[in-house]
Amino acid sequence: MKARLPDGYGKQNVNKLMQQAQEMQEQMEAKTKELEETEYPVKGSGGMVEVVMRGDYNVTAIHIDKEIVDPEDVEMMEDMIAAAVNDAIRTVKDTAAAEMEKITGAYPGLAGLGL
């Protein structure tokens, strides 16, 4: 006598899984392209430095408040710019991760497949 498993257990429809994987891959590719083209303006150092970074991690602009331009303290300005760039990188990474999670979370049947 064969044991019968409740619906949802045992062999899954491979064609359905493959279709879902293909759909998810297409959505992720489209979202990646969209994210790479999006510009993320991030203000750091109390708004005194703004870095504009695209989703592909290319910096497209840096705006510096004139108040921090001090020829006697270039090191402080360098630190503020570095901090703003790092904030922009975190923003891009966090945004991309959240957007991809929205896509992968829509396909719970694929969760265990590492896709």
PDB file of N, CA and C in Angstrom:
ATOM      1  N   MET A   1       0.843  -1.172   0.000  1.00  0.00           N
ATOM      2  CA  MET A   1       0.000   0.000   0.000  1.00  0.00           C
ATOM      3  C   MET A   1       0.896   1.246   0.000  1.00  0.00           C
ATOM      4  N   LYS A   2       0.560   2.189  -0.850  1.00  0.00           N
ATOM      5  CA  LYS A   2       1.319   3.424  -0.944  1.00  0.00           C
ATOM      6  C   LYS A   2       0.759   4.444   0.036  1.00  0.00           C
ATOM      7  N   ALA A   3       1.689   5.147   0.655  1.00  0.00           N
ATOM      8  CA  ALA A   3       1.268   6.239   1.533  1.00  0.00           C
ATOM      9  C   ALA A   3       0.973   7.459   0.673  1.00  0.00           C
ATOM     10  N   ARG A   4      -0.051   8.153   1.006  1.00  0.00           N
ATOM     11  CA  ARG A   4      -0.402   9.366   0.273  1.00  0.00           C
ATOM     12  C   ARG A   4      -0.087  10.574   1.146  1.00  0.00           C
ATOM     13  N   LEU A   5       0.572  11.523   0.523  1.00  0.00           N
ATOM     14  CA  LEU A   5       0.917  12.738   1.233  1.00  0.00           C
ATOM     15  C   LEU A   5      -0.126  13.804   0.949  1.00  0.00           C
ATOM     16  N   PRO A   6      -0.368  14.660   1.917  1.00  0.00           N
ATOM     17  CA  PRO A   6      -1.319  15.753   1.676  1.00  0.00           C
ATOM     18  C   PRO A   6      -0.826  16.639   0.542  1.00  0.00           C
ATOM     19  N   ASP A   7      -1.739  17.389  -0.053  1.00  0.00           N
ATOM     20  CA  ASP A   7      -1.369  18.317  -1.127  1.00  0.00           C
ATOM     21  C   ASP A   7      -0.277  19.258  -0.642  1.00  0.00           C
ATOM     22  N   GLY A   8       0.655  19.542  -1.525  1.00  0.00           N
ATOM     23  CA  GLY A   8       1.744  20.448  -1.198  1.00  0.00           C
ATOM     24  C   GLY A   8       3.002  19.718  -0.758  1.00  0.00           C
ATOM     25  N   TYR A   9       2.927  18.411  -0.567  1.00  0.00           N
ATOM     26  CA  TYR A   9       4.084  17.624  -0.162  1.00  0.00           C
ATOM     27  C   TYR A   9       4.442  16.654  -1.272  1.00  0.00           C
ATOM     28  N   GLY A  10       5.677  16.179  -1.259  1.00  0.00           N
ATOM     29  CA  GLY A  10       6.102  15.231  -2.275  1.00  0.00           C
ATOM     30  C   GLY A  10       6.611  15.946  -3.506  1.00  0.00           C
ATOM     31  N   LYS A  11       6.532  15.291  -4.652  1.00  0.00           N
ATOM     32  CA  LYS A  11       7.020  15.871  -5.900  1.00  0.00           C
ATOM     33  C   LYS A  11       6.195  17.095  -6.267  1.00  0.00           C
ATOM     34  N   GLN A  12       6.898  18.126  -6.620  1.00  0.00           N
ATOM     35  CA  GLN A  12       6.203  19.322  -7.082  1.00  0.00           C
ATOM     36  C   GLN A  12       6.225  19.331  -8.597  1.00  0.00           C
ATOM     37  N   ASN A  13       5.357  20.084  -9.145  1.00  0.00           N
ATOM     38  CA  ASN A  13       5.288  20.203 -10.582  1.00  0.00           C
ATOM     39  C   ASN A  13       6.545  20.918 -11.079  1.00  0.00           C
ATOM     40  N   VAL A  14       7.450  20.165 -11.692  1.00  0.00           N
ATOM     41  CA  VAL A  14       8.733  20.693 -12.136  1.00  0.00           C
ATOM     42  C   VAL A  14       8.547  21.803 -13.161  1.00  0.00           C
ATOM     43  N   ASN A  15       7.606  21.648 -14.042  1.00  0.00           N
ATOM     44  CA  ASN A  15       7.366  22.690 -15.049  1.00  0.00           C
ATOM     45  C   ASN A  15       6.946  24.001 -14.399  1.00  0.00           C
ATOM     46  N   LYS A  16       6.107  23.895 -13.368  1.00  0.00           N
ATOM     47  CA  LYS A  16       5.659  25.089 -12.664  1.00  0.00           C
ATOM     48  C   LYS A  16       6.840  25.760 -11.971  1.00  0.00           C
ATOM     49  N   LEU A  17       7.699  24.972 -11.337  1.00  0.00           N
ATOM     50  CA  LEU A  17       8.878  25.521 -10.675  1.00  0.00           C
ATOM     51  C   LEU A  17       9.819  26.195 -11.681  1.00  0.00           C
ATOM     52  N   MET A  18      10.009  25.556 -12.827  1.00  0.00           N
ATOM     53  CA  MET A  18      10.881  26.131 -13.850  1.00  0.00           C
ATOM     54  C   MET A  18      10.301  27.448 -14.374  1.00  0.00           C
ATOM     55  N   GLN A  19       8.996  27.481 -14.557  1.00  0.00           N
ATOM     56  CA  GLN A  19       8.343  28.710 -15.026  1.00  0.00           C
ATOM     57  C   GLN A  19       8.502  29.811 -13.979  1.00  0.00           C
ATOM     58  N   GLN A  20       8.300  29.472 -12.705  1.00  0.00           N
ATOM     59  CA  GLN A  20       8.462  30.461 -11.643  1.00  0.00           C
ATOM     60  C   GLN A  20       9.904  30.958 -11.580  1.00  0.00           C
ATOM     61  N   ALA A  21      10.860  30.041 -11.720  1.00  0.00           N
ATOM     62  CA  ALA A  21      12.272  30.428 -11.699  1.00  0.00           C
ATOM     63  C   ALA A  21      12.588  31.374 -12.855  1.00  0.00           C
ATOM     64  N   GLN A  22      12.060  31.087 -14.023  1.00  0.00           N
ATOM     65  CA  GLN A  22      12.286  31.945 -15.189  1.00  0.00           C
ATOM     66  C   GLN A  22      11.668  33.322 -14.968  1.00  0.00           C
ATOM     67  N   GLU A  23      10.443  33.362 -14.446  1.00  0.00           N
ATOM     68  CA  GLU A  23       9.781  34.636 -14.181  1.00  0.00           C
ATOM     69  C   GLU A  23      10.569  35.450 -13.163  1.00  0.00           C
ATOM     70  N   MET A  24      11.025  34.782 -12.104  1.00  0.00           N
ATOM     71  CA  MET A  24      11.783  35.472 -11.072  1.00  0.00           C
ATOM     72  C   MET A  24      13.097  36.006 -11.643  1.00  0.00           C
ATOM     73  N   GLN A  25      13.764  35.225 -12.453  1.00  0.00           N
ATOM     74  CA  GLN A  25      15.019  35.658 -13.055  1.00  0.00           C
ATOM     75  C   GLN A  25      14.796  36.887 -13.943  1.00  0.00           C
ATOM     76  N   GLU A  26      13.742  36.862 -14.731  1.00  0.00           N
ATOM     77  CA  GLU A  26      13.435  38.006 -15.598  1.00  0.00           C
ATOM     78  C   GLU A  26      13.134  39.252 -14.774  1.00  0.00           C
ATOM     79  N   GLN A  27      12.366  39.084 -13.701  1.00  0.00           N
ATOM     80  CA  GLN A  27      12.041  40.224 -12.844  1.00  0.00           C
ATOM     81  C   GLN A  27      13.296  40.771 -12.168  1.00  0.00           C
ATOM     82  N   MET A  28      14.174  39.865 -11.718  1.00  0.00           N
ATOM     83  CA  MET A  28      15.396  40.303 -11.058  1.00  0.00           C
ATOM     84  C   MET A  28      16.321  41.034 -12.034  1.00  0.00           C
ATOM     85  N   GLU A  29      16.409  40.562 -13.266  1.00  0.00           N
ATOM     86  CA  GLU A  29      17.237  41.239 -14.270  1.00  0.00           C
ATOM     87  C   GLU A  29      16.690  42.630 -14.576  1.00  0.00           C
ATOM     88  N   ALA A  30      15.375  42.737 -14.707  1.00  0.00           N
ATOM     89  CA  ALA A  30      14.759  44.036 -14.982  1.00  0.00           C
ATOM     90  C   ALA A  30      14.963  44.987 -13.800  1.00  0.00           C
ATOM     91  N   LYS A  31      14.793  44.477 -12.587  1.00  0.00           N
ATOM     92  CA  LYS A  31      14.959  45.307 -11.397  1.00  0.00           C
ATOM     93  C   LYS A  31      16.417  45.732 -11.244  1.00  0.00           C
ATOM     94  N   THR A  32      17.355  44.830 -11.529  1.00  0.00           N
ATOM     95  CA  THR A  32      18.777  45.172 -11.448  1.00  0.00           C
ATOM     96  C   THR A  32      19.102  46.310 -12.407  1.00  0.00           C
ATOM     97  N   LYS A  33      18.603  46.220 -13.622  1.00  0.00           N
ATOM     98  CA  LYS A  33      18.844  47.284 -14.609  1.00  0.00           C
ATOM     99  C   LYS A  33      18.247  48.599 -14.125  1.00  0.00           C
ATOM    100  N   GLU A  34      17.029  48.538 -13.609  1.00  0.00           N
ATOM    101  CA  GLU A  34      16.374  49.740 -13.095  1.00  0.00           C
ATOM    102  C   GLU A  34      17.166  50.346 -11.938  1.00  0.00           C
ATOM    103  N   LEU A  35      17.602  49.499 -11.004  1.00  0.00           N
ATOM    104  CA  LEU A  35      18.354  49.983  -9.854  1.00  0.00           C
ATOM    105  C   LEU A  35      19.696  50.582 -10.272  1.00  0.00           C
ATOM    106  N   GLU A  36      20.351  49.970 -11.249  1.00  0.00           N
ATOM    107  CA  GLU A  36      21.643  50.472 -11.706  1.00  0.00           C
ATOM    108  C   GLU A  36      21.532  51.855 -12.335  1.00  0.00           C
ATOM    109  N   GLU A  37      20.395  52.161 -12.925  1.00  0.00           N
ATOM    110  CA  GLU A  37      20.194  53.450 -13.578  1.00  0.00           C
ATOM    111  C   GLU A  37      19.635  54.517 -12.638  1.00  0.00           C
ATOM    112  N   THR A  38      19.187  54.111 -11.464  1.00  0.00           N
ATOM    113  CA  THR A  38      18.605  55.044 -10.507  1.00  0.00           C
ATOM    114  C   THR A  38      19.710  55.807  -9.790  1.00  0.00           C
ATOM    115  N   GLU A  39      19.500  57.098  -9.591  1.00  0.00           N
ATOM    116  CA  GLU A  39      20.448  57.903  -8.842  1.00  0.00           C
ATOM    117  C   GLU A  39      19.955  58.058  -7.407  1.00  0.00           C
ATOM    118  N   TYR A  40      20.882  57.930  -6.473  1.00  0.00           N
ATOM    119  CA  TYR A  40      20.585  58.016  -5.050  1.00  0.00           C
ATOM    120  C   TYR A  40      21.342  59.206  -4.460  1.00  0.00           C
ATOM    121  N   PRO A  41      20.653  60.330  -4.213  1.00  0.00           N
ATOM    122  CA  PRO A  41      21.320  61.456  -3.559  1.00  0.00           C
ATOM    123  C   PRO A  41      21.335  61.200  -2.046  1.00  0.00           C
ATOM    124  N   VAL A  42      22.521  61.205  -1.470  1.00  0.00           N
ATOM    125  CA  VAL A  42      22.666  60.925  -0.044  1.00  0.00           C
ATOM    126  C   VAL A  42      23.440  62.070   0.594  1.00  0.00           C
ATOM    127  N   LYS A  43      22.846  62.674   1.610  1.00  0.00           N
ATOM    128  CA  LYS A  43      23.511  63.753   2.330  1.00  0.00           C
ATOM    129  C   LYS A  43      24.187  63.176   3.563  1.00  0.00           C
ATOM    130  N   GLY A  44      25.408  63.600   3.769  1.00  0.00           N
ATOM    131  CA  GLY A  44      26.158  63.174   4.936  1.00  0.00           C
ATOM    132  C   GLY A  44      26.719  64.363   5.670  1.00  0.00           C
ATOM    133  N   SER A  45      27.321  64.111   6.804  1.00  0.00           N
ATOM    134  CA  SER A  45      27.969  65.155   7.602  1.00  0.00           C
ATOM    135  C   SER A  45      27.011  66.304   7.901  1.00  0.00           C
ATOM    136  N   GLY A  46      25.819  65.947   8.339  1.00  0.00           N
ATOM    137  CA  GLY A  46      24.834  66.965   8.693  1.00  0.00           C
ATOM    138  C   GLY A  46      24.325  67.751   7.506  1.00  0.00           C
ATOM    139  N   GLY A  47      24.371  67.151   6.325  1.00  0.00           N
ATOM    140  CA  GLY A  47      23.873  67.809   5.124  1.00  0.00           C
ATOM    141  C   GLY A  47      24.903  68.693   4.441  1.00  0.00           C
ATOM    142  N   MET A  48      26.113  68.680   4.949  1.00  0.00           N
ATOM    143  CA  MET A  48      27.144  69.548   4.380  1.00  0.00           C
ATOM    144  C   MET A  48      27.811  68.932   3.145  1.00  0.00           C
ATOM    145  N   VAL A  49      27.669  67.625   2.980  1.00  0.00           N
ATOM    146  CA  VAL A  49      28.208  66.933   1.814  1.00  0.00           C
ATOM    147  C   VAL A  49      27.099  66.067   1.240  1.00  0.00           C
ATOM    148  N   GLU A  50      26.894  66.173  -0.056  1.00  0.00           N
ATOM    149  CA  GLU A  50      25.919  65.322  -0.725  1.00  0.00           C
ATOM    150  C   GLU A  50      26.642  64.547  -1.822  1.00  0.00           C
ATOM    151  N   VAL A  51      26.411  63.228  -1.817  1.00  0.00           N
ATOM    152  CA  VAL A  51      26.963  62.369  -2.854  1.00  0.00           C
ATOM    153  C   VAL A  51      25.794  61.813  -3.649  1.00  0.00           C
ATOM    154  N   VAL A  52      25.884  61.890  -4.953  1.00  0.00           N
ATOM    155  CA  VAL A  52      24.879  61.296  -5.820  1.00  0.00           C
ATOM    156  C   VAL A  52      25.524  60.081  -6.468  1.00  0.00           C
ATOM    157  N   MET A  53      24.955  58.913  -6.172  1.00  0.00           N
ATOM    158  CA  MET A  53      25.516  57.658  -6.659  1.00  0.00           C
ATOM    159  C   MET A  53      24.433  56.886  -7.387  1.00  0.00           C
ATOM    160  N   ARG A  54      24.813  56.294  -8.515  1.00  0.00           N
ATOM    161  CA  ARG A  54      23.880  55.421  -9.225  1.00  0.00           C
ATOM    162  C   ARG A  54      23.931  54.037  -8.587  1.00  0.00           C
ATOM    163  N   GLY A  55      22.963  53.237  -8.933  1.00  0.00           N
ATOM    164  CA  GLY A  55      22.881  51.878  -8.407  1.00  0.00           C
ATOM    165  C   GLY A  55      24.011  50.978  -8.851  1.00  0.00           C
ATOM    166  N   ASP A  56      24.773  51.400  -9.846  1.00  0.00           N
ATOM    167  CA  ASP A  56      25.943  50.613 -10.269  1.00  0.00           C
ATOM    168  C   ASP A  56      27.201  51.091  -9.546  1.00  0.00           C
ATOM    169  N   TYR A  57      27.005  51.891  -8.473  1.00  0.00           N
ATOM    170  CA  TYR A  57      28.075  52.379  -7.594  1.00  0.00           C
ATOM    171  C   TYR A  57      28.976  53.423  -8.249  1.00  0.00           C
ATOM    172  N   ASN A  58      28.526  54.039  -9.319  1.00  0.00           N
ATOM    173  CA  ASN A  58      29.271  55.146  -9.907  1.00  0.00           C
ATOM    174  C   ASN A  58      28.782  56.450  -9.282  1.00  0.00           C
ATOM    175  N   VAL A  59      29.711  57.238  -8.792  1.00  0.00           N
ATOM    176  CA  VAL A  59      29.378  58.539  -8.234  1.00  0.00           C
ATOM    177  C   VAL A  59      29.200  59.505  -9.400  1.00  0.00           C
ATOM    178  N   THR A  60      28.046  60.149  -9.454  1.00  0.00           N
ATOM    179  CA  THR A  60      27.778  61.074 -10.556  1.00  0.00           C
ATOM    180  C   THR A  60      27.965  62.526 -10.139  1.00  0.00           C
ATOM    181  N   ALA A  61      27.932  62.792  -8.830  1.00  0.00           N
ATOM    182  CA  ALA A  61      28.129  64.164  -8.371  1.00  0.00           C
ATOM    183  C   ALA A  61      28.475  64.174  -6.887  1.00  0.00           C
ATOM    184  N   ILE A  62      29.229  65.194  -6.511  1.00  0.00           N
ATOM    185  CA  ILE A  62      29.507  65.470  -5.105  1.00  0.00           C
ATOM    186  C   ILE A  62      29.284  66.969  -4.915  1.00  0.00           C
ATOM    187  N   HIS A  63      28.440  67.308  -3.953  1.00  0.00           N
ATOM    188  CA  HIS A  63      28.164  68.706  -3.642  1.00  0.00           C
ATOM    189  C   HIS A  63      28.695  68.972  -2.233  1.00  0.00           C
ATOM    190  N   ILE A  64      29.488  70.019  -2.101  1.00  0.00           N
ATOM    191  CA  ILE A  64      30.116  70.345  -0.821  1.00  0.00           C
ATOM    192  C   ILE A  64      29.673  71.744  -0.398  1.00  0.00           C
ATOM    193  N   ASP A  65      29.166  71.830   0.830  1.00  0.00           N
ATOM    194  CA  ASP A  65      28.781  73.124   1.384  1.00  0.00           C
ATOM    195  C   ASP A  65      30.046  73.971   1.546  1.00  0.00           C
ATOM    196  N   LYS A  66      29.981  75.208   1.128  1.00  0.00           N
ATOM    197  CA  LYS A  66      31.155  76.093   1.177  1.00  0.00           C
ATOM    198  C   LYS A  66      31.680  76.291   2.597  1.00  0.00           C
ATOM    199  N   GLU A  67      30.811  76.090   3.585  1.00  0.00           N
ATOM    200  CA  GLU A  67      31.220  76.283   4.980  1.00  0.00           C
ATOM    201  C   GLU A  67      32.321  75.313   5.413  1.00  0.00           C
ATOM    202  N   ILE A  68      32.391  74.135   4.774  1.00  0.00           N
ATOM    203  CA  ILE A  68      33.407  73.171   5.205  1.00  0.00           C
ATOM    204  C   ILE A  68      34.707  73.289   4.427  1.00  0.00           C
ATOM    205  N   VAL A  69      34.733  74.184   3.460  1.00  0.00           N
ATOM    206  CA  VAL A  69      35.959  74.369   2.674  1.00  0.00           C
ATOM    207  C   VAL A  69      36.904  75.265   3.477  1.00  0.00           C
ATOM    208  N   ASP A  70      37.897  74.612   4.049  1.00  0.00           N
ATOM    209  CA  ASP A  70      38.901  75.312   4.855  1.00  0.00           C
ATOM    210  C   ASP A  70      40.268  74.808   4.421  1.00  0.00           C
ATOM    211  N   PRO A  71      41.037  75.634   3.726  1.00  0.00           N
ATOM    212  CA  PRO A  71      42.349  75.188   3.252  1.00  0.00           C
ATOM    213  C   PRO A  71      43.267  74.731   4.383  1.00  0.00           C
ATOM    214  N   GLU A  72      42.979  75.167   5.597  1.00  0.00           N
ATOM    215  CA  GLU A  72      43.800  74.778   6.743  1.00  0.00           C
ATOM    216  C   GLU A  72      43.401  73.401   7.295  1.00  0.00           C
ATOM    217  N   ASP A  73      42.233  72.910   6.881  1.00  0.00           N
ATOM    218  CA  ASP A  73      41.762  71.626   7.421  1.00  0.00           C
ATOM    219  C   ASP A  73      41.167  70.773   6.303  1.00  0.00           C
ATOM    220  N   VAL A  74      41.981  70.457   5.325  1.00  0.00           N
ATOM    221  CA  VAL A  74      41.556  69.633   4.197  1.00  0.00           C
ATOM    222  C   VAL A  74      41.187  68.227   4.675  1.00  0.00           C
ATOM    223  N   GLU A  75      41.858  67.739   5.688  1.00  0.00           N
ATOM    224  CA  GLU A  75      41.616  66.387   6.201  1.00  0.00           C
ATOM    225  C   GLU A  75      40.163  66.214   6.667  1.00  0.00           C
ATOM    226  N   MET A  76      39.613  67.233   7.323  1.00  0.00           N
ATOM    227  CA  MET A  76      38.221  67.141   7.778  1.00  0.00           C
ATOM    228  C   MET A  76      37.288  67.015   6.578  1.00  0.00           C
ATOM    229  N   MET A  77      37.532  67.798   5.544  1.00  0.00           N
ATOM    230  CA  MET A  77      36.687  67.741   4.355  1.00  0.00           C
ATOM    231  C   MET A  77      36.805  66.368   3.697  1.00  0.00           C
ATOM    232  N   GLU A  78      38.012  65.828   3.622  1.00  0.00           N
ATOM    233  CA  GLU A  78      38.210  64.496   3.048  1.00  0.00           C
ATOM    234  C   GLU A  78      37.442  63.441   3.836  1.00  0.00           C
ATOM    235  N   ASP A  79      37.494  63.546   5.158  1.00  0.00           N
ATOM    236  CA  ASP A  79      36.763  62.594   6.011  1.00  0.00           C
ATOM    237  C   ASP A  79      35.252  62.695   5.785  1.00  0.00           C
ATOM    238  N   MET A  80      34.759  63.912   5.641  1.00  0.00           N
ATOM    239  CA  MET A  80      33.325  64.108   5.431  1.00  0.00           C
ATOM    240  C   MET A  80      32.890  63.543   4.075  1.00  0.00           C
ATOM    241  N   ILE A  81      33.722  63.724   3.065  1.00  0.00           N
ATOM    242  CA  ILE A  81      33.399  63.185   1.737  1.00  0.00           C
ATOM    243  C   ILE A  81      33.419  61.661   1.781  1.00  0.00           C
ATOM    244  N   ALA A  82      34.440  61.074   2.415  1.00  0.00           N
ATOM    245  CA  ALA A  82      34.512  59.616   2.523  1.00  0.00           C
ATOM    246  C   ALA A  82      33.297  59.058   3.258  1.00  0.00           C
ATOM    247  N   ALA A  83      32.889  59.723   4.345  1.00  0.00           N
ATOM    248  CA  ALA A  83      31.717  59.271   5.100  1.00  0.00           C
ATOM    249  C   ALA A  83      30.458  59.337   4.240  1.00  0.00           C
ATOM    250  N   ALA A  84      30.312  60.401   3.458  1.00  0.00           N
ATOM    251  CA  ALA A  84      29.135  60.540   2.601  1.00  0.00           C
ATOM    252  C   ALA A  84      29.119  59.477   1.500  1.00  0.00           C
ATOM    253  N   VAL A  85      30.285  59.172   0.934  1.00  0.00           N
ATOM    254  CA  VAL A  85      30.367  58.120  -0.085  1.00  0.00           C
ATOM    255  C   VAL A  85      29.990  56.773   0.529  1.00  0.00           C
ATOM    256  N   ASN A  86      30.495  56.498   1.717  1.00  0.00           N
ATOM    257  CA  ASN A  86      30.152  55.237   2.387  1.00  0.00           C
ATOM    258  C   ASN A  86      28.660  55.150   2.695  1.00  0.00           C
ATOM    259  N   ASP A  87      28.058  56.268   3.093  1.00  0.00           N
ATOM    260  CA  ASP A  87      26.602  56.285   3.318  1.00  0.00           C
ATOM    261  C   ASP A  87      25.851  55.999   2.023  1.00  0.00           C
ATOM    262  N   ALA A  88      26.342  56.549   0.927  1.00  0.00           N
ATOM    263  CA  ALA A  88      25.698  56.314  -0.370  1.00  0.00           C
ATOM    264  C   ALA A  88      25.799  54.847  -0.762  1.00  0.00           C
ATOM    265  N   ILE A  89      26.950  54.243  -0.539  1.00  0.00           N
ATOM    266  CA  ILE A  89      27.126  52.813  -0.855  1.00  0.00           C
ATOM    267  C   ILE A  89      26.150  51.974  -0.036  1.00  0.00           C
ATOM    268  N   ARG A  90      26.030  52.278   1.262  1.00  0.00           N
ATOM    269  CA  ARG A  90      25.079  51.532   2.109  1.00  0.00           C
ATOM    270  C   ARG A  90      23.650  51.708   1.611  1.00  0.00           C
ATOM    271  N   THR A  91      23.307  52.922   1.213  1.00  0.00           N
ATOM    272  CA  THR A  91      21.953  53.189   0.712  1.00  0.00           C
ATOM    273  C   THR A  91      21.668  52.370  -0.541  1.00  0.00           C
ATOM    274  N   VAL A  92      22.620  52.341  -1.472  1.00  0.00           N
ATOM    275  CA  VAL A  92      22.439  51.572  -2.708  1.00  0.00           C
ATOM    276  C   VAL A  92      22.302  50.083  -2.386  1.00  0.00           C
ATOM    277  N   LYS A  93      23.181  49.553  -1.541  1.00  0.00           N
ATOM    278  CA  LYS A  93      23.122  48.126  -1.182  1.00  0.00           C
ATOM    279  C   LYS A  93      21.811  47.779  -0.489  1.00  0.00           C
ATOM    280  N   ASP A  94      21.417  48.580   0.485  1.00  0.00           N
ATOM    281  CA  ASP A  94      20.183  48.301   1.234  1.00  0.00           C
ATOM    282  C   ASP A  94      18.951  48.377   0.335  1.00  0.00           C
ATOM    283  N   THR A  95      18.926  49.352  -0.557  1.00  0.00           N
ATOM    284  CA  THR A  95      17.795  49.486  -1.481  1.00  0.00           C
ATOM    285  C   THR A  95      17.721  48.286  -2.417  1.00  0.00           C
ATOM    286  N   ALA A  96      18.870  47.885  -2.967  1.00  0.00           N
ATOM    287  CA  ALA A  96      18.899  46.734  -3.880  1.00  0.00           C
ATOM    288  C   ALA A  96      18.459  45.468  -3.156  1.00  0.00           C
ATOM    289  N   ALA A  97      18.947  45.260  -1.938  1.00  0.00           N
ATOM    290  CA  ALA A  97      18.573  44.061  -1.181  1.00  0.00           C
ATOM    291  C   ALA A  97      17.071  44.035  -0.895  1.00  0.00           C
ATOM    292  N   ALA A  98      16.514  45.165  -0.518  1.00  0.00           N
ATOM    293  CA  ALA A  98      15.076  45.234  -0.225  1.00  0.00           C
ATOM    294  C   ALA A  98      14.238  44.977  -1.476  1.00  0.00           C
ATOM    295  N   GLU A  99      14.665  45.524  -2.605  1.00  0.00           N
ATOM    296  CA  GLU A  99      13.915  45.325  -3.848  1.00  0.00           C
ATOM    297  C   GLU A  99      13.995  43.872  -4.323  1.00  0.00           C
ATOM    298  N   MET A 100      15.148  43.251  -4.180  1.00  0.00           N
ATOM    299  CA  MET A 100      15.286  41.841  -4.592  1.00  0.00           C
ATOM    300  C   MET A 100      14.488  40.928  -3.657  1.00  0.00           C
ATOM    301  N   GLU A 101      14.436  41.289  -2.391  1.00  0.00           N
ATOM    302  CA  GLU A 101      13.660  40.499  -1.426  1.00  0.00           C
ATOM    303  C   GLU A 101      12.178  40.523  -1.796  1.00  0.00           C
ATOM    304  N   LYS A 102      11.711  41.653  -2.299  1.00  0.00           N
ATOM    305  CA  LYS A 102      10.312  41.733  -2.743  1.00  0.00           C
ATOM    306  C   LYS A 102      10.053  40.734  -3.866  1.00  0.00           C
ATOM    307  N   ILE A 103      11.026  40.571  -4.748  1.00  0.00           N
ATOM    308  CA  ILE A 103      10.860  39.648  -5.872  1.00  0.00           C
ATOM    309  C   ILE A 103      10.969  38.206  -5.409  1.00  0.00           C
ATOM    310  N   THR A 104      12.026  37.879  -4.684  1.00  0.00           N
ATOM    311  CA  THR A 104      12.233  36.488  -4.282  1.00  0.00           C
ATOM    312  C   THR A 104      11.192  36.025  -3.271  1.00  0.00           C
ATOM    313  N   GLY A 105      10.692  36.947  -2.468  1.00  0.00           N
ATOM    314  CA  GLY A 105       9.644  36.585  -1.506  1.00  0.00           C
ATOM    315  C   GLY A 105       8.325  36.243  -2.151  1.00  0.00           C
ATOM    316  N   ALA A 106       8.153  36.648  -3.408  1.00  0.00           N
ATOM    317  CA  ALA A 106       6.915  36.359  -4.127  1.00  0.00           C
ATOM    318  C   ALA A 106       6.866  34.930  -4.657  1.00  0.00           C
ATOM    319  N   TYR A 107       7.984  34.216  -4.540  1.00  0.00           N
ATOM    320  CA  TYR A 107       8.066  32.848  -5.040  1.00  0.00           C
ATOM    321  C   TYR A 107       8.509  31.897  -3.921  1.00  0.00           C
ATOM    322  N   PRO A 108       7.626  31.628  -2.966  1.00  0.00           N
ATOM    323  CA  PRO A 108       8.012  30.799  -1.827  1.00  0.00           C
ATOM    324  C   PRO A 108       8.373  29.363  -2.227  1.00  0.00           C
ATOM    325  N   GLY A 109       7.867  28.856  -3.320  1.00  0.00           N
ATOM    326  CA  GLY A 109       8.189  27.497  -3.751  1.00  0.00           C
ATOM    327  C   GLY A 109       9.629  27.342  -4.185  1.00  0.00           C
ATOM    328  N   LEU A 110      10.293  28.463  -4.494  1.00  0.00           N
ATOM    329  CA  LEU A 110      11.670  28.424  -4.967  1.00  0.00           C
ATOM    330  C   LEU A 110      12.672  28.702  -3.851  1.00  0.00           C
ATOM    331  N   ALA A 111      12.176  28.990  -2.648  1.00  0.00           N
ATOM    332  CA  ALA A 111      13.045  29.398  -1.555  1.00  0.00           C
ATOM    333  C   ALA A 111      14.141  28.379  -1.257  1.00  0.00           C
ATOM    334  N   GLY A 112      13.839  27.122  -1.268  1.00  0.00           N
ATOM    335  CA  GLY A 112      14.814  26.098  -0.933  1.00  0.00           C
ATOM    336  C   GLY A 112      15.752  25.718  -2.060  1.00  0.00           C
ATOM    337  N   LEU A 113      15.571  26.321  -3.214  1.00  0.00           N
ATOM    338  CA  LEU A 113      16.393  25.968  -4.375  1.00  0.00           C
ATOM    339  C   LEU A 113      17.611  26.870  -4.532  1.00  0.00           C
ATOM    340  N   GLY A 114      17.734  27.863  -3.663  1.00  0.00           N
ATOM    341  CA  GLY A 114      18.869  28.761  -3.747  1.00  0.00           C
ATOM    342  C   GLY A 114      18.795  29.738  -4.903  1.00  0.00           C
ATOM    343  N   LEU A 115      17.609  29.998  -5.411  1.00  0.00           N
ATOM    344  CA  LEU A 115      17.453  30.945  -6.524  1.00  0.00           C
ATOM    345  C   LEU A 115      17.137  32.310  -5.988  1.00  0.00           C
TER     346      LEU A 115
END
